[in-house]
Amino acid sequence: MRIHIISDMEGVAGIANSTQTNAGEPLYEEGRKLYTEEINAAIRGAFSAGATEVCVMDHHGAGGGFSFNSLVADLLDPRCEYVVQEEWTSYTGFLEQGCDACLLVGMHAMAGTSDGVLNHTVSGMAWQNLWFNDTLVGETGINAAFVGTFGAPVALVTGDDASCREATALLGDGVVTVPVKHGIGTRGARMIPPVRARELIEGGAARALADLSSLQPYDPGKPSEIKVEFKNTTDPAKLANRPGVEQLEPRTIVSRADDWWTAWRQFFF
């Protein structure tokens, strides 16, 4: 059983503000350790469920050389392999070779979620809303569509209550969710201590992979329309002349194609 783990920092137990998730900030190194140990918990759960290969891909843009590279390599479970990529969703090799399921660790809620800790969608500075065929989605939706393109279902989502709720609404009750904190504002949370959170994640990963028969890869639909509302007018203007992309309003673009992956690549890369 080949398992892909995609991770983000904002949904990790013990993390509540950007000083723990942005490179160069005082608490970033602490955040990196908390992050890595939650990924390790998912790795342990995967192997206990029968995984033969686990590949970890960091999807957190911390800034500078730490973007998609916030893991502490020396702390990672030595049974896994991990990817450092140049751009988010740019590495597809493991998925192309065949992947049985994906585990999403440390997820956060989409932009505008009132109880979502550090909620945002892709870029908190630039993106406001994102829709796949008129369904409002966040990064859980992006990750699910990304791995679903290659036939892999999402089996597990961990993060705050809001991200878990978002995952169930989008992917159905078959996905196992492990909430590790409850948001009490954008930068505040009632936490489960990290040691116990890791135990819950390990158990959740094992439970999620015990039976994959009821899970289906997420497909936003064909043909595919991806609409992005930005917070500025600069980005939409830059994207408007790309093939398959149309500027609907000063702050909104839409990318259309026969399938999601083509529509995504038309404007994101």
Protein backbone atom coordinates (compact mmCIF):
# COMPACT_ATOMS: atom_id res chain seq x y z
CA MET A 1 0.00 0.00 0.00
CA ARG A 2 1.53 3.28 -1.17
CA ILE A 3 0.48 6.31 0.89
CA HIS A 4 0.97 10.01 0.15
CA ILE A 5 0.99 12.45 3.07
CA ILE A 6 0.36 16.11 2.26
CA SER A 7 0.90 18.47 5.17
CA ASP A 8 0.39 22.06 6.24
CA MET A 9 1.38 23.88 9.41
CA GLU A 10 -1.61 25.95 10.47
CA GLY A 11 -3.70 22.96 11.58
CA VAL A 12 -1.08 21.48 13.91
CA ALA A 13 -1.73 21.17 17.64
CA GLY A 14 0.14 23.86 19.56
CA ILE A 15 0.11 26.32 16.65
CA ALA A 16 -2.17 29.35 16.81
CA ASN A 17 -0.40 32.33 15.23
CA SER A 18 1.86 33.25 12.34
CA THR A 19 4.99 33.64 14.47
CA GLN A 20 4.98 29.83 14.55
CA THR A 21 4.45 29.32 10.81
CA ASN A 22 6.47 32.04 9.05
CA ALA A 23 10.18 31.59 8.42
CA GLY A 24 12.36 33.92 10.48
CA GLU A 25 9.73 34.53 13.17
CA PRO A 26 10.70 33.85 16.80
CA LEU A 27 8.60 30.71 17.28
CA TYR A 28 9.01 29.21 13.80
CA GLU A 29 11.56 26.60 14.87
CA GLU A 30 9.23 25.40 17.60
CA GLY A 31 6.43 25.26 15.04
CA ARG A 32 8.58 23.16 12.70
CA LYS A 33 9.13 20.55 15.40
CA LEU A 34 5.44 20.37 16.28
CA TYR A 35 4.69 20.04 12.58
CA THR A 36 7.19 17.26 11.95
CA GLU A 37 6.02 15.20 14.90
CA GLU A 38 2.39 15.26 13.74
CA ILE A 39 3.53 14.02 10.33
CA ASN A 40 5.48 11.27 12.09
CA ALA A 41 2.29 10.24 13.88
CA ALA A 42 0.51 9.84 10.54
CA ILE A 43 3.48 7.87 9.19
CA ARG A 44 3.37 5.49 12.15
CA GLY A 45 -0.35 4.99 11.67
CA ALA A 46 0.11 4.32 7.97
CA PHE A 47 2.76 1.67 8.50
CA SER A 48 0.77 0.01 11.25
CA ALA A 49 -2.13 -0.27 8.77
CA GLY A 50 0.08 -2.05 6.24
CA ALA A 51 1.70 0.72 4.20
CA THR A 52 4.74 -0.41 2.26
CA GLU A 53 5.79 3.06 1.12
CA VAL A 54 5.04 6.54 2.46
CA CYS A 55 5.93 9.77 0.68
CA VAL A 56 5.54 13.10 2.52
CA MET A 57 5.06 16.39 0.71
CA ASP A 58 5.13 19.69 2.61
CA HIS A 59 2.54 22.13 1.23
CA HIS A 60 3.31 24.99 3.61
CA GLY A 61 4.68 28.21 2.16
CA ALA A 62 6.73 29.53 5.06
CA GLY A 63 8.68 32.03 2.97
CA GLY A 64 12.19 32.09 1.57
CA GLY A 65 14.08 28.81 1.42
CA PHE A 66 11.64 27.28 3.89
CA SER A 67 8.64 27.33 1.55
CA PHE A 68 7.59 23.69 1.04
CA ASN A 69 10.54 22.80 3.23
CA SER A 70 9.45 23.41 6.83
CA LEU A 71 9.95 19.83 7.95
CA VAL A 72 12.82 19.08 10.29
CA ALA A 73 14.48 16.34 8.25
CA ASP A 74 16.47 14.88 11.15
CA LEU A 75 13.27 14.29 13.11
CA LEU A 76 11.33 12.53 10.34
CA ASP A 77 10.47 8.86 10.68
CA PRO A 78 13.28 7.17 8.68
CA ARG A 79 10.85 4.79 6.97
CA CYS A 80 9.37 7.55 4.82
CA GLU A 81 10.67 9.60 1.94
CA TYR A 82 9.87 13.31 1.57
CA VAL A 83 9.68 15.85 -1.21
CA VAL A 84 10.92 19.44 -1.36
CA GLN A 85 9.19 21.08 -4.32
CA GLU A 86 9.60 24.45 -5.99
CA GLU A 87 5.89 25.27 -6.34
CA TRP A 88 2.78 24.01 -4.61
CA THR A 89 1.24 21.01 -6.46
CA SER A 90 4.21 20.87 -8.84
CA TYR A 91 5.45 17.40 -7.83
CA THR A 92 3.36 14.54 -9.19
CA GLY A 93 5.87 11.69 -9.48
CA PHE A 94 4.68 9.59 -6.54
CA LEU A 95 1.06 9.96 -7.61
CA GLU A 96 1.86 9.07 -11.21
CA GLN A 97 3.47 5.82 -10.06
CA GLY A 98 0.25 4.79 -8.31
CA CYS A 99 -1.02 5.80 -4.89
CA ASP A 100 -3.62 4.02 -2.75
CA ALA A 101 -4.64 6.95 -0.54
CA CYS A 102 -3.68 10.39 0.73
CA LEU A 103 -3.52 11.62 4.32
CA LEU A 104 -3.90 15.39 4.86
CA VAL A 105 -2.15 16.49 8.05
CA GLY A 106 -2.30 19.93 9.67
CA MET A 107 -5.03 21.38 7.47
CA HIS A 108 -6.65 24.78 8.05
CA ALA A 109 -10.05 26.12 7.03
CA MET A 110 -10.78 28.20 3.96
CA ALA A 111 -10.60 32.00 4.01
CA GLY A 112 -13.46 33.66 5.86
CA THR A 113 -14.19 30.81 8.30
CA SER A 114 -14.88 32.59 11.59
CA ASP A 115 -13.68 29.74 13.83
CA GLY A 116 -10.87 28.65 11.52
CA VAL A 117 -7.44 29.07 13.11
CA LEU A 118 -5.18 31.04 10.72
CA ASN A 119 -7.81 30.53 8.02
CA HIS A 120 -6.89 31.44 4.45
CA THR A 121 -6.94 30.02 0.95
CA VAL A 122 -3.59 29.57 -0.82
CA SER A 123 -2.31 33.09 -0.22
CA GLY A 124 -3.78 35.00 2.67
CA MET A 125 -2.41 38.19 1.17
CA ALA A 126 -3.83 37.72 -2.33
CA TRP A 127 -6.70 35.19 -2.50
CA GLN A 128 -10.20 35.77 -1.13
CA ASN A 129 -12.42 32.97 -2.47
CA LEU A 130 -12.06 29.89 -4.65
CA TRP A 131 -14.73 27.83 -6.42
CA PHE A 132 -14.60 24.52 -8.29
CA ASN A 133 -17.67 24.36 -10.54
CA ASP A 134 -19.51 26.76 -8.21
CA THR A 135 -18.53 24.85 -5.03
CA LEU A 136 -16.69 27.08 -2.56
CA VAL A 137 -13.53 25.27 -1.47
CA GLY A 138 -10.31 25.80 0.48
CA GLU A 139 -6.97 24.05 0.46
CA THR A 140 -8.45 20.71 1.50
CA GLY A 141 -10.44 20.85 -1.72
CA ILE A 142 -7.36 21.71 -3.75
CA ASN A 143 -5.37 18.85 -2.25
CA ALA A 144 -8.25 16.42 -2.73
CA ALA A 145 -8.67 17.42 -6.38
CA PHE A 146 -4.91 17.25 -6.91
CA VAL A 147 -4.50 13.68 -5.65
CA GLY A 148 -7.87 12.71 -7.11
CA THR A 149 -6.55 13.61 -10.56
CA PHE A 150 -4.24 10.61 -10.22
CA GLY A 151 -6.86 8.30 -8.76
CA ALA A 152 -6.05 8.63 -5.05
CA PRO A 153 -8.76 9.28 -2.45
CA VAL A 154 -8.29 11.33 0.72
CA ALA A 155 -8.62 8.97 3.69
CA LEU A 156 -7.70 11.27 6.59
CA VAL A 157 -7.84 14.98 7.41
CA THR A 158 -6.39 16.44 10.61
CA GLY A 159 -6.51 20.04 11.80
CA ASP A 160 -8.86 22.28 13.74
CA ASP A 161 -12.60 21.64 14.10
CA ALA A 162 -13.37 23.95 11.19
CA SER A 163 -11.05 22.20 8.74
CA CYS A 164 -12.42 18.80 9.73
CA ARG A 165 -15.97 20.06 9.27
CA GLU A 166 -15.01 21.44 5.86
CA ALA A 167 -13.49 18.10 4.83
CA THR A 168 -16.58 16.12 5.77
CA ALA A 169 -18.87 18.54 3.94
CA LEU A 170 -16.81 18.26 0.75
CA LEU A 171 -15.64 14.63 0.82
CA GLY A 172 -18.37 12.87 2.76
CA ASP A 173 -18.58 10.87 5.96
CA GLY A 174 -16.15 8.22 4.67
CA VAL A 175 -13.13 10.41 5.33
CA VAL A 176 -11.71 10.08 8.85
CA THR A 177 -11.14 13.42 10.59
CA VAL A 178 -9.02 14.12 13.64
CA PRO A 179 -9.62 17.56 15.20
CA VAL A 180 -6.72 18.64 17.41
CA LYS A 181 -7.96 22.12 18.40
CA HIS A 182 -11.03 24.32 18.49
CA GLY A 183 -10.72 27.81 17.06
CA ILE A 184 -11.71 30.73 19.26
CA GLY A 185 -10.72 33.30 16.68
CA THR A 186 -8.30 33.60 13.82
CA ARG A 187 -5.28 33.47 16.13
CA GLY A 188 -6.61 31.66 19.15
CA ALA A 189 -7.55 28.07 19.93
CA ARG A 190 -8.41 25.63 22.67
CA MET A 191 -5.80 22.93 22.11
CA ILE A 192 -5.29 19.25 22.67
CA PRO A 193 -1.69 18.93 23.96
CA PRO A 194 0.63 17.84 21.14
CA VAL A 195 1.55 14.46 22.67
CA ARG A 196 -2.11 13.41 22.86
CA ALA A 197 -2.87 14.94 19.46
CA ARG A 198 -0.18 12.73 17.93
CA GLU A 199 -1.73 9.64 19.51
CA LEU A 200 -5.08 10.58 18.00
CA ILE A 201 -3.54 11.18 14.58
CA GLU A 202 -1.67 7.88 14.62
CA GLY A 203 -4.85 6.03 15.52
CA GLY A 204 -6.86 7.99 12.96
CA ALA A 205 -4.41 7.20 10.17
CA ALA A 206 -4.48 3.49 10.98
CA ARG A 207 -8.28 3.51 11.12
CA ALA A 208 -8.56 5.48 7.87
CA LEU A 209 -6.37 3.02 5.95
CA ALA A 210 -7.87 -0.15 7.39
CA ASP A 211 -10.56 -0.21 4.70
CA LEU A 212 -10.41 2.00 1.61
CA SER A 213 -13.26 0.29 -0.23
CA SER A 214 -15.81 3.02 0.47
CA LEU A 215 -13.59 5.93 -0.60
CA GLN A 216 -13.59 7.52 -4.03
CA PRO A 217 -11.13 10.02 -5.51
CA TYR A 218 -12.51 13.54 -5.43
CA ASP A 219 -13.37 14.95 -8.86
CA PRO A 220 -14.80 18.51 -8.99
CA GLY A 221 -16.46 17.62 -12.29
CA LYS A 222 -15.94 17.60 -16.03
CA PRO A 223 -15.80 20.00 -17.75
CA SER A 224 -14.12 22.04 -15.05
CA GLU A 225 -14.42 25.70 -14.11
CA ILE A 226 -12.13 27.17 -11.47
CA LYS A 227 -13.00 30.68 -10.30
CA VAL A 228 -10.72 32.77 -8.07
CA GLU A 229 -11.65 36.01 -6.37
CA PHE A 230 -8.52 37.95 -5.43
CA LYS A 231 -8.11 40.73 -2.89
CA ASN A 232 -6.37 42.90 -5.48
CA THR A 233 -6.72 43.78 -9.15
CA THR A 234 -3.10 43.19 -10.12
CA ASP A 235 -3.11 39.38 -10.18
CA PRO A 236 -6.29 38.99 -12.26
CA ALA A 237 -4.96 41.46 -14.83
CA LYS A 238 -1.74 39.44 -15.16
CA LEU A 239 -3.64 36.18 -15.67
CA ALA A 240 -6.33 37.47 -18.04
CA ASN A 241 -4.42 36.79 -21.25
CA ARG A 242 -3.53 33.18 -20.53
CA PRO A 243 -5.19 30.55 -22.75
CA GLY A 244 -8.37 29.26 -21.14
CA VAL A 245 -8.49 32.07 -18.58
CA GLU A 246 -11.01 34.91 -18.54
CA GLN A 247 -11.20 37.96 -16.30
CA LEU A 248 -14.81 38.20 -15.15
CA GLU A 249 -14.46 41.24 -12.91
CA PRO A 250 -11.53 43.43 -11.83
CA ARG A 251 -10.72 41.02 -8.97
CA THR A 252 -12.01 37.72 -10.38
CA ILE A 253 -10.75 35.26 -12.99
CA VAL A 254 -12.11 31.96 -14.26
CA SER A 255 -10.15 29.11 -15.81
CA ARG A 256 -12.09 26.59 -17.93
CA ALA A 257 -10.99 23.26 -19.34
CA ASP A 258 -12.17 19.71 -19.94
CA ASP A 259 -10.78 18.57 -16.58
CA TRP A 260 -9.70 20.06 -13.25
CA TRP A 261 -5.97 19.47 -13.62
CA THR A 262 -5.82 21.28 -16.95
CA ALA A 263 -7.89 24.18 -15.60
CA TRP A 264 -5.62 24.42 -12.53
CA ARG A 265 -2.37 24.45 -14.50
CA GLN A 266 -3.66 27.07 -16.92
CA PHE A 267 -3.47 29.80 -14.31
CA PHE A 268 -1.59 28.50 -11.26
CA PHE A 269 1.81 27.71 -12.80
